[in-house]
Amino acid sequence: MKHLNVESYDDRVHQLVGSHFEIEELFDKAIWAECPAWVAHQQALFFSDVKDNTMYRWQAETGTQVYRSPSHFSNGNAVDLA
């Protein structure tokens, strides 16, 4: 995993993450990744690669794996209260 340098153009970001933080790239194989949704009870991040017609799940212990393919070009992932 590669570590990325971060530049902020709005100091309000520090209210969320503090003034010392790192961003770690978890996956770099997507064509067009978007729509991340964190599912707390699974400790998993779901996101879509719309152009590749694939949905992924990332978990710390297993890394990134295909969750659904084809994903029918899923977009706009969200988690409800249920």
PDB file of N, CA and C in Angstrom:
ATOM      1  N   MET A   1       0.837  -1.173   0.000  1.00  0.00           N
ATOM      2  CA  MET A   1       0.000   0.000   0.000  1.00  0.00           C
ATOM      3  C   MET A   1       0.881   1.234   0.000  1.00  0.00           C
ATOM      4  N   LYS A   2       0.486   2.186  -0.783  1.00  0.00           N
ATOM      5  CA  LYS A   2       1.297   3.385  -0.870  1.00  0.00           C
ATOM      6  C   LYS A   2       0.661   4.510  -0.075  1.00  0.00           C
ATOM      7  N   HIS A   3       1.496   5.345   0.490  1.00  0.00           N
ATOM      8  CA  HIS A   3       1.035   6.478   1.279  1.00  0.00           C
ATOM      9  C   HIS A   3       1.076   7.725   0.413  1.00  0.00           C
ATOM     10  N   LEU A   4       0.057   8.550   0.514  1.00  0.00           N
ATOM     11  CA  LEU A   4      -0.097   9.721  -0.331  1.00  0.00           C
ATOM     12  C   LEU A   4       0.143  10.997   0.458  1.00  0.00           C
ATOM     13  N   ASN A   5       0.714  11.985  -0.188  1.00  0.00           N
ATOM     14  CA  ASN A   5       0.833  13.307   0.416  1.00  0.00           C
ATOM     15  C   ASN A   5      -0.514  14.007   0.311  1.00  0.00           C
ATOM     16  N   VAL A   6      -0.815  14.843   1.295  1.00  0.00           N
ATOM     17  CA  VAL A   6      -2.109  15.495   1.348  1.00  0.00           C
ATOM     18  C   VAL A   6      -1.917  17.000   1.421  1.00  0.00           C
ATOM     19  N   GLU A   7      -2.664  17.724   0.595  1.00  0.00           N
ATOM     20  CA  GLU A   7      -2.737  19.178   0.675  1.00  0.00           C
ATOM     21  C   GLU A   7      -4.177  19.542   0.942  1.00  0.00           C
ATOM     22  N   SER A   8      -4.419  20.415   1.899  1.00  0.00           N
ATOM     23  CA  SER A   8      -5.789  20.863   2.132  1.00  0.00           C
ATOM     24  C   SER A   8      -5.891  22.328   1.745  1.00  0.00           C
ATOM     25  N   TYR A   9      -6.997  22.659   1.125  1.00  0.00           N
ATOM     26  CA  TYR A   9      -7.244  24.025   0.674  1.00  0.00           C
ATOM     27  C   TYR A   9      -8.305  24.713   1.525  1.00  0.00           C
ATOM     28  N   ASP A  10      -8.794  23.998   2.514  1.00  0.00           N
ATOM     29  CA  ASP A  10      -9.815  24.529   3.403  1.00  0.00           C
ATOM     30  C   ASP A  10      -9.503  24.020   4.803  1.00  0.00           C
ATOM     31  N   ASP A  11      -9.222  24.912   5.706  1.00  0.00           N
ATOM     32  CA  ASP A  11      -8.825  24.526   7.058  1.00  0.00           C
ATOM     33  C   ASP A  11      -9.911  23.783   7.826  1.00  0.00           C
ATOM     34  N   ARG A  12     -11.147  23.794   7.338  1.00  0.00           N
ATOM     35  CA  ARG A  12     -12.217  23.063   8.025  1.00  0.00           C
ATOM     36  C   ARG A  12     -11.973  21.564   8.030  1.00  0.00           C
ATOM     37  N   VAL A  13     -11.151  21.064   7.112  1.00  0.00           N
ATOM     38  CA  VAL A  13     -10.841  19.634   7.099  1.00  0.00           C
ATOM     39  C   VAL A  13     -10.195  19.211   8.410  1.00  0.00           C
ATOM     40  N   HIS A  14      -9.457  20.105   9.055  1.00  0.00           N
ATOM     41  CA  HIS A  14      -8.778  19.778  10.307  1.00  0.00           C
ATOM     42  C   HIS A  14      -9.761  19.553  11.452  1.00  0.00           C
ATOM     43  N   GLN A  15     -10.969  20.084  11.348  1.00  0.00           N
ATOM     44  CA  GLN A  15     -11.998  19.808  12.348  1.00  0.00           C
ATOM     45  C   GLN A  15     -12.410  18.338  12.297  1.00  0.00           C
ATOM     46  N   LEU A  16     -12.272  17.719  11.137  1.00  0.00           N
ATOM     47  CA  LEU A  16     -12.655  16.314  10.978  1.00  0.00           C
ATOM     48  C   LEU A  16     -11.519  15.352  11.281  1.00  0.00           C
ATOM     49  N   VAL A  17     -10.312  15.679  10.824  1.00  0.00           N
ATOM     50  CA  VAL A  17      -9.210  14.712  10.906  1.00  0.00           C
ATOM     51  C   VAL A  17      -8.015  15.191  11.711  1.00  0.00           C
ATOM     52  N   GLY A  18      -8.086  16.395  12.271  1.00  0.00           N
ATOM     53  CA  GLY A  18      -6.945  16.932  12.997  1.00  0.00           C
ATOM     54  C   GLY A  18      -5.940  17.548  12.028  1.00  0.00           C
ATOM     55  N   SER A  19      -4.808  17.968  12.547  1.00  0.00           N
ATOM     56  CA  SER A  19      -3.827  18.627  11.679  1.00  0.00           C
ATOM     57  C   SER A  19      -2.720  17.681  11.226  1.00  0.00           C
ATOM     58  N   HIS A  20      -2.610  16.503  11.824  1.00  0.00           N
ATOM     59  CA  HIS A  20      -1.606  15.512  11.423  1.00  0.00           C
ATOM     60  C   HIS A  20      -2.335  14.218  11.063  1.00  0.00           C
ATOM     61  N   PHE A  21      -2.315  13.873   9.800  1.00  0.00           N
ATOM     62  CA  PHE A  21      -3.011  12.674   9.355  1.00  0.00           C
ATOM     63  C   PHE A  21      -2.352  12.142   8.102  1.00  0.00           C
ATOM     64  N   GLU A  22      -2.639  10.903   7.777  1.00  0.00           N
ATOM     65  CA  GLU A  22      -2.169  10.262   6.561  1.00  0.00           C
ATOM     66  C   GLU A  22      -3.359   9.693   5.817  1.00  0.00           C
ATOM     67  N   ILE A  23      -3.269   9.708   4.514  1.00  0.00           N
ATOM     68  CA  ILE A  23      -4.251   9.017   3.686  1.00  0.00           C
ATOM     69  C   ILE A  23      -3.525   7.833   3.071  1.00  0.00           C
ATOM     70  N   GLU A  24      -4.126   6.677   3.199  1.00  0.00           N
ATOM     71  CA  GLU A  24      -3.531   5.457   2.672  1.00  0.00           C
ATOM     72  C   GLU A  24      -4.385   4.966   1.509  1.00  0.00           C
ATOM     73  N   GLU A  25      -3.765   4.749   0.372  1.00  0.00           N
ATOM     74  CA  GLU A  25      -4.476   4.230  -0.792  1.00  0.00           C
ATOM     75  C   GLU A  25      -4.720   2.741  -0.590  1.00  0.00           C
ATOM     76  N   LEU A  26      -5.967   2.329  -0.625  1.00  0.00           N
ATOM     77  CA  LEU A  26      -6.328   0.948  -0.358  1.00  0.00           C
ATOM     78  C   LEU A  26      -6.511   0.117  -1.623  1.00  0.00           C
ATOM     79  N   PHE A  27      -6.742   0.789  -2.755  1.00  0.00           N
ATOM     80  CA  PHE A  27      -7.030   0.068  -3.997  1.00  0.00           C
ATOM     81  C   PHE A  27      -6.731   0.989  -5.168  1.00  0.00           C
ATOM     82  N   ASP A  28      -5.998   0.501  -6.157  1.00  0.00           N
ATOM     83  CA  ASP A  28      -5.646   1.357  -7.297  1.00  0.00           C
ATOM     84  C   ASP A  28      -5.965   0.727  -8.640  1.00  0.00           C
ATOM     85  N   LYS A  29      -6.831  -0.264  -8.650  1.00  0.00           N
ATOM     86  CA  LYS A  29      -7.160  -0.972  -9.898  1.00  0.00           C
ATOM     87  C   LYS A  29      -8.456  -0.500 -10.550  1.00  0.00           C
ATOM     88  N   ALA A  30      -9.180   0.399  -9.926  1.00  0.00           N
ATOM     89  CA  ALA A  30     -10.473   0.837 -10.458  1.00  0.00           C
ATOM     90  C   ALA A  30     -10.294   1.788 -11.638  1.00  0.00           C
ATOM     91  N   ILE A  31     -11.217   1.731 -12.559  1.00  0.00           N
ATOM     92  CA  ILE A  31     -11.254   2.675 -13.673  1.00  0.00           C
ATOM     93  C   ILE A  31     -11.898   3.971 -13.204  1.00  0.00           C
ATOM     94  N   TRP A  32     -13.020   3.836 -12.481  1.00  0.00           N
ATOM     95  CA  TRP A  32     -13.791   5.001 -12.038  1.00  0.00           C
ATOM     96  C   TRP A  32     -14.476   4.638 -10.717  1.00  0.00           C
ATOM     97  N   ALA A  33     -13.728   4.725  -9.624  1.00  0.00           N
ATOM     98  CA  ALA A  33     -14.255   4.345  -8.306  1.00  0.00           C
ATOM     99  C   ALA A  33     -15.015   5.506  -7.698  1.00  0.00           C
ATOM    100  N   GLU A  34     -16.177   5.187  -7.117  1.00  0.00           N
ATOM    101  CA  GLU A  34     -16.966   6.214  -6.436  1.00  0.00           C
ATOM    102  C   GLU A  34     -17.960   5.559  -5.496  1.00  0.00           C
ATOM    103  N   CYS A  35     -18.662   6.389  -4.765  1.00  0.00           N
ATOM    104  CA  CYS A  35     -19.770   5.986  -3.896  1.00  0.00           C
ATOM    105  C   CYS A  35     -19.341   5.119  -2.725  1.00  0.00           C
ATOM    106  N   PRO A  36     -18.330   5.516  -1.953  1.00  0.00           N
ATOM    107  CA  PRO A  36     -17.965   4.695  -0.803  1.00  0.00           C
ATOM    108  C   PRO A  36     -19.052   4.727   0.266  1.00  0.00           C
ATOM    109  N   ALA A  37     -19.286   3.573   0.867  1.00  0.00           N
ATOM    110  CA  ALA A  37     -20.260   3.463   1.959  1.00  0.00           C
ATOM    111  C   ALA A  37     -19.670   2.543   3.020  1.00  0.00           C
ATOM    112  N   TRP A  38     -19.530   3.050   4.247  1.00  0.00           N
ATOM    113  CA  TRP A  38     -18.982   2.271   5.359  1.00  0.00           C
ATOM    114  C   TRP A  38     -20.107   1.512   6.042  1.00  0.00           C
ATOM    115  N   VAL A  39     -19.943   0.201   6.195  1.00  0.00           N
ATOM    116  CA  VAL A  39     -20.913  -0.650   6.879  1.00  0.00           C
ATOM    117  C   VAL A  39     -20.268  -1.079   8.199  1.00  0.00           C
ATOM    118  N   ALA A  40     -20.650  -0.393   9.266  1.00  0.00           N
ATOM    119  CA  ALA A  40     -19.972  -0.545  10.556  1.00  0.00           C
ATOM    120  C   ALA A  40     -20.028  -1.972  11.094  1.00  0.00           C
ATOM    121  N   HIS A  41     -21.181  -2.626  11.021  1.00  0.00           N
ATOM    122  CA  HIS A  41     -21.288  -3.960  11.620  1.00  0.00           C
ATOM    123  C   HIS A  41     -20.449  -5.005  10.885  1.00  0.00           C
ATOM    124  N   GLN A  42     -20.035  -4.716   9.652  1.00  0.00           N
ATOM    125  CA  GLN A  42     -19.131  -5.601   8.915  1.00  0.00           C
ATOM    126  C   GLN A  42     -17.696  -5.078   8.921  1.00  0.00           C
ATOM    127  N   GLN A  43     -17.517  -3.851   9.462  1.00  0.00           N
ATOM    128  CA  GLN A  43     -16.213  -3.196   9.390  1.00  0.00           C
ATOM    129  C   GLN A  43     -15.692  -3.261   7.953  1.00  0.00           C
ATOM    130  N   ALA A  44     -16.558  -2.825   7.026  1.00  0.00           N
ATOM    131  CA  ALA A  44     -16.266  -2.940   5.600  1.00  0.00           C
ATOM    132  C   ALA A  44     -16.627  -1.657   4.862  1.00  0.00           C
ATOM    133  N   LEU A  45     -15.830  -1.344   3.862  1.00  0.00           N
ATOM    134  CA  LEU A  45     -16.082  -0.226   2.978  1.00  0.00           C
ATOM    135  C   LEU A  45     -16.502  -0.787   1.623  1.00  0.00           C
ATOM    136  N   PHE A  46     -17.676  -0.414   1.165  1.00  0.00           N
ATOM    137  CA  PHE A  46     -18.166  -0.826  -0.146  1.00  0.00           C
ATOM    138  C   PHE A  46     -18.020   0.350  -1.106  1.00  0.00           C
ATOM    139  N   PHE A  47     -17.620   0.073  -2.341  1.00  0.00           N
ATOM    140  CA  PHE A  47     -17.543   1.120  -3.356  1.00  0.00           C
ATOM    141  C   PHE A  47     -17.737   0.499  -4.728  1.00  0.00           C
ATOM    142  N   SER A  48     -18.102   1.338  -5.680  1.00  0.00           N
ATOM    143  CA  SER A  48     -18.395   0.883  -7.032  1.00  0.00           C
ATOM    144  C   SER A  48     -17.331   1.362  -8.008  1.00  0.00           C
ATOM    145  N   ASP A  49     -17.029   0.513  -8.973  1.00  0.00           N
ATOM    146  CA  ASP A  49     -16.268   0.915 -10.149  1.00  0.00           C
ATOM    147  C   ASP A  49     -17.281   0.879 -11.285  1.00  0.00           C
ATOM    148  N   VAL A  50     -17.893   2.017 -11.518  1.00  0.00           N
ATOM    149  CA  VAL A  50     -19.025   2.097 -12.434  1.00  0.00           C
ATOM    150  C   VAL A  50     -18.633   1.623 -13.832  1.00  0.00           C
ATOM    151  N   LYS A  51     -17.541   2.119 -14.362  1.00  0.00           N
ATOM    152  CA  LYS A  51     -17.154   1.758 -15.733  1.00  0.00           C
ATOM    153  C   LYS A  51     -16.778   0.287 -15.870  1.00  0.00           C
ATOM    154  N   ASP A  52     -16.277  -0.328 -14.801  1.00  0.00           N
ATOM    155  CA  ASP A  52     -15.908  -1.747 -14.857  1.00  0.00           C
ATOM    156  C   ASP A  52     -17.070  -2.650 -14.456  1.00  0.00           C
ATOM    157  N   ASN A  53     -18.231  -2.045 -14.109  1.00  0.00           N
ATOM    158  CA  ASN A  53     -19.429  -2.811 -13.787  1.00  0.00           C
ATOM    159  C   ASN A  53     -19.183  -3.769 -12.616  1.00  0.00           C
ATOM    160  N   THR A  54     -18.464  -3.270 -11.597  1.00  0.00           N
ATOM    161  CA  THR A  54     -18.070  -4.101 -10.462  1.00  0.00           C
ATOM    162  C   THR A  54     -18.249  -3.325  -9.168  1.00  0.00           C
ATOM    163  N   MET A  55     -18.693  -4.024  -8.129  1.00  0.00           N
ATOM    164  CA  MET A  55     -18.787  -3.461  -6.790  1.00  0.00           C
ATOM    165  C   MET A  55     -17.787  -4.211  -5.915  1.00  0.00           C
ATOM    166  N   TYR A  56     -17.067  -3.467  -5.065  1.00  0.00           N
ATOM    167  CA  TYR A  56     -16.023  -4.042  -4.222  1.00  0.00           C
ATOM    168  C   TYR A  56     -16.343  -3.868  -2.750  1.00  0.00           C
ATOM    169  N   ARG A  57     -15.708  -4.731  -1.942  1.00  0.00           N
ATOM    170  CA  ARG A  57     -15.751  -4.605  -0.486  1.00  0.00           C
ATOM    171  C   ARG A  57     -14.318  -4.631   0.005  1.00  0.00           C
ATOM    172  N   TRP A  58     -13.973  -3.647   0.859  1.00  0.00           N
ATOM    173  CA  TRP A  58     -12.664  -3.627   1.505  1.00  0.00           C
ATOM    174  C   TRP A  58     -12.842  -3.865   2.991  1.00  0.00           C
ATOM    175  N   GLN A  59     -12.025  -4.781   3.541  1.00  0.00           N
ATOM    176  CA  GLN A  59     -11.951  -5.020   4.980  1.00  0.00           C
ATOM    177  C   GLN A  59     -10.474  -5.124   5.359  1.00  0.00           C
ATOM    178  N   ALA A  60     -10.131  -4.647   6.533  1.00  0.00           N
ATOM    179  CA  ALA A  60      -8.729  -4.610   6.952  1.00  0.00           C
ATOM    180  C   ALA A  60      -8.067  -5.978   6.891  1.00  0.00           C
ATOM    181  N   GLU A  61      -8.791  -7.003   7.300  1.00  0.00           N
ATOM    182  CA  GLU A  61      -8.167  -8.328   7.365  1.00  0.00           C
ATOM    183  C   GLU A  61      -8.068  -9.041   6.025  1.00  0.00           C
ATOM    184  N   THR A  62      -8.894  -8.665   5.052  1.00  0.00           N
ATOM    185  CA  THR A  62      -8.882  -9.373   3.756  1.00  0.00           C
ATOM    186  C   THR A  62      -8.520  -8.487   2.573  1.00  0.00           C
ATOM    187  N   GLY A  63      -8.470  -7.182   2.781  1.00  0.00           N
ATOM    188  CA  GLY A  63      -8.178  -6.275   1.671  1.00  0.00           C
ATOM    189  C   GLY A  63      -9.405  -6.068   0.792  1.00  0.00           C
ATOM    190  N   THR A  64      -9.167  -5.740  -0.461  1.00  0.00           N
ATOM    191  CA  THR A  64     -10.253  -5.456  -1.405  1.00  0.00           C
ATOM    192  C   THR A  64     -10.587  -6.699  -2.206  1.00  0.00           C
ATOM    193  N   GLN A  65     -11.882  -7.021  -2.236  1.00  0.00           N
ATOM    194  CA  GLN A  65     -12.362  -8.176  -2.989  1.00  0.00           C
ATOM    195  C   GLN A  65     -13.591  -7.783  -3.789  1.00  0.00           C
ATOM    196  N   VAL A  66     -13.803  -8.467  -4.892  1.00  0.00           N
ATOM    197  CA  VAL A  66     -15.018  -8.248  -5.677  1.00  0.00           C
ATOM    198  C   VAL A  66     -16.206  -8.677  -4.829  1.00  0.00           C
ATOM    199  N   TYR A  67     -17.187  -7.801  -4.727  1.00  0.00           N
ATOM    200  CA  TYR A  67     -18.405  -8.095  -3.986  1.00  0.00           C
ATOM    201  C   TYR A  67     -19.525  -8.510  -4.940  1.00  0.00           C
ATOM    202  N   ARG A  68     -19.638  -7.813  -6.071  1.00  0.00           N
ATOM    203  CA  ARG A  68     -20.676  -8.117  -7.041  1.00  0.00           C
ATOM    204  C   ARG A  68     -20.171  -7.781  -8.447  1.00  0.00           C
ATOM    205  N   SER A  69     -20.248  -8.753  -9.335  1.00  0.00           N
ATOM    206  CA  SER A  69     -19.869  -8.522 -10.727  1.00  0.00           C
ATOM    207  C   SER A  69     -20.654  -9.490 -11.604  1.00  0.00           C
ATOM    208  N   PRO A  70     -21.458  -9.007 -12.488  1.00  0.00           N
ATOM    209  CA  PRO A  70     -21.642  -7.594 -12.784  1.00  0.00           C
ATOM    210  C   PRO A  70     -22.457  -6.904 -11.684  1.00  0.00           C
ATOM    211  N   SER A  71     -22.217  -5.627 -11.546  1.00  0.00           N
ATOM    212  CA  SER A  71     -22.932  -4.845 -10.527  1.00  0.00           C
ATOM    213  C   SER A  71     -24.100  -4.080 -11.125  1.00  0.00           C
ATOM    214  N   HIS A  72     -24.315  -4.285 -12.431  1.00  0.00           N
ATOM    215  CA  HIS A  72     -25.358  -3.559 -13.156  1.00  0.00           C
ATOM    216  C   HIS A  72     -25.111  -2.055 -13.059  1.00  0.00           C
ATOM    217  N   PHE A  73     -23.787  -1.703 -13.103  1.00  0.00           N
ATOM    218  CA  PHE A  73     -23.341  -0.303 -13.087  1.00  0.00           C
ATOM    219  C   PHE A  73     -23.867   0.438 -11.863  1.00  0.00           C
ATOM    220  N   SER A  74     -23.827  -0.254 -10.700  1.00  0.00           N
ATOM    221  CA  SER A  74     -24.326   0.341  -9.459  1.00  0.00           C
ATOM    222  C   SER A  74     -23.617   1.659  -9.174  1.00  0.00           C
ATOM    223  N   ASN A  75     -24.368   2.547  -8.562  1.00  0.00           N
ATOM    224  CA  ASN A  75     -23.876   3.886  -8.285  1.00  0.00           C
ATOM    225  C   ASN A  75     -24.703   4.427  -7.119  1.00  0.00           C
ATOM    226  N   GLY A  76     -24.110   5.204  -6.263  1.00  0.00           N
ATOM    227  CA  GLY A  76     -24.849   5.816  -5.164  1.00  0.00           C
ATOM    228  C   GLY A  76     -25.055   4.887  -3.988  1.00  0.00           C
ATOM    229  N   ASN A  77     -24.034   4.164  -3.573  1.00  0.00           N
ATOM    230  CA  ASN A  77     -24.137   3.268  -2.424  1.00  0.00           C
ATOM    231  C   ASN A  77     -24.462   4.066  -1.169  1.00  0.00           C
ATOM    232  N   ALA A  78     -25.287   3.477  -0.312  1.00  0.00           N
ATOM    233  CA  ALA A  78     -25.672   4.130   0.932  1.00  0.00           C
ATOM    234  C   ALA A  78     -26.049   3.047   1.951  1.00  0.00           C
ATOM    235  N   VAL A  79     -26.034   3.431   3.214  1.00  0.00           N
ATOM    236  CA  VAL A  79     -26.413   2.521   4.294  1.00  0.00           C
ATOM    237  C   VAL A  79     -27.575   3.152   5.038  1.00  0.00           C
ATOM    238  N   ASP A  80     -28.622   2.353   5.290  1.00  0.00           N
ATOM    239  CA  ASP A  80     -29.758   2.895   6.044  1.00  0.00           C
ATOM    240  C   ASP A  80     -29.669   2.439   7.503  1.00  0.00           C
ATOM    241  N   LEU A  81     -30.646   2.774   8.303  1.00  0.00           N
ATOM    242  CA  LEU A  81     -30.614   2.471   9.727  1.00  0.00           C
ATOM    243  C   LEU A  81     -30.954   1.022  10.056  1.00  0.00           C
ATOM    244  N   ALA A  82     -31.467   0.271   9.105  1.00  0.00           N
ATOM    245  CA  ALA A  82     -31.881  -1.129   9.370  1.00  0.00           C
ATOM    246  C   ALA A  82     -30.712  -2.052   9.516  1.00  0.00           C
TER     247      ALA A  82
END
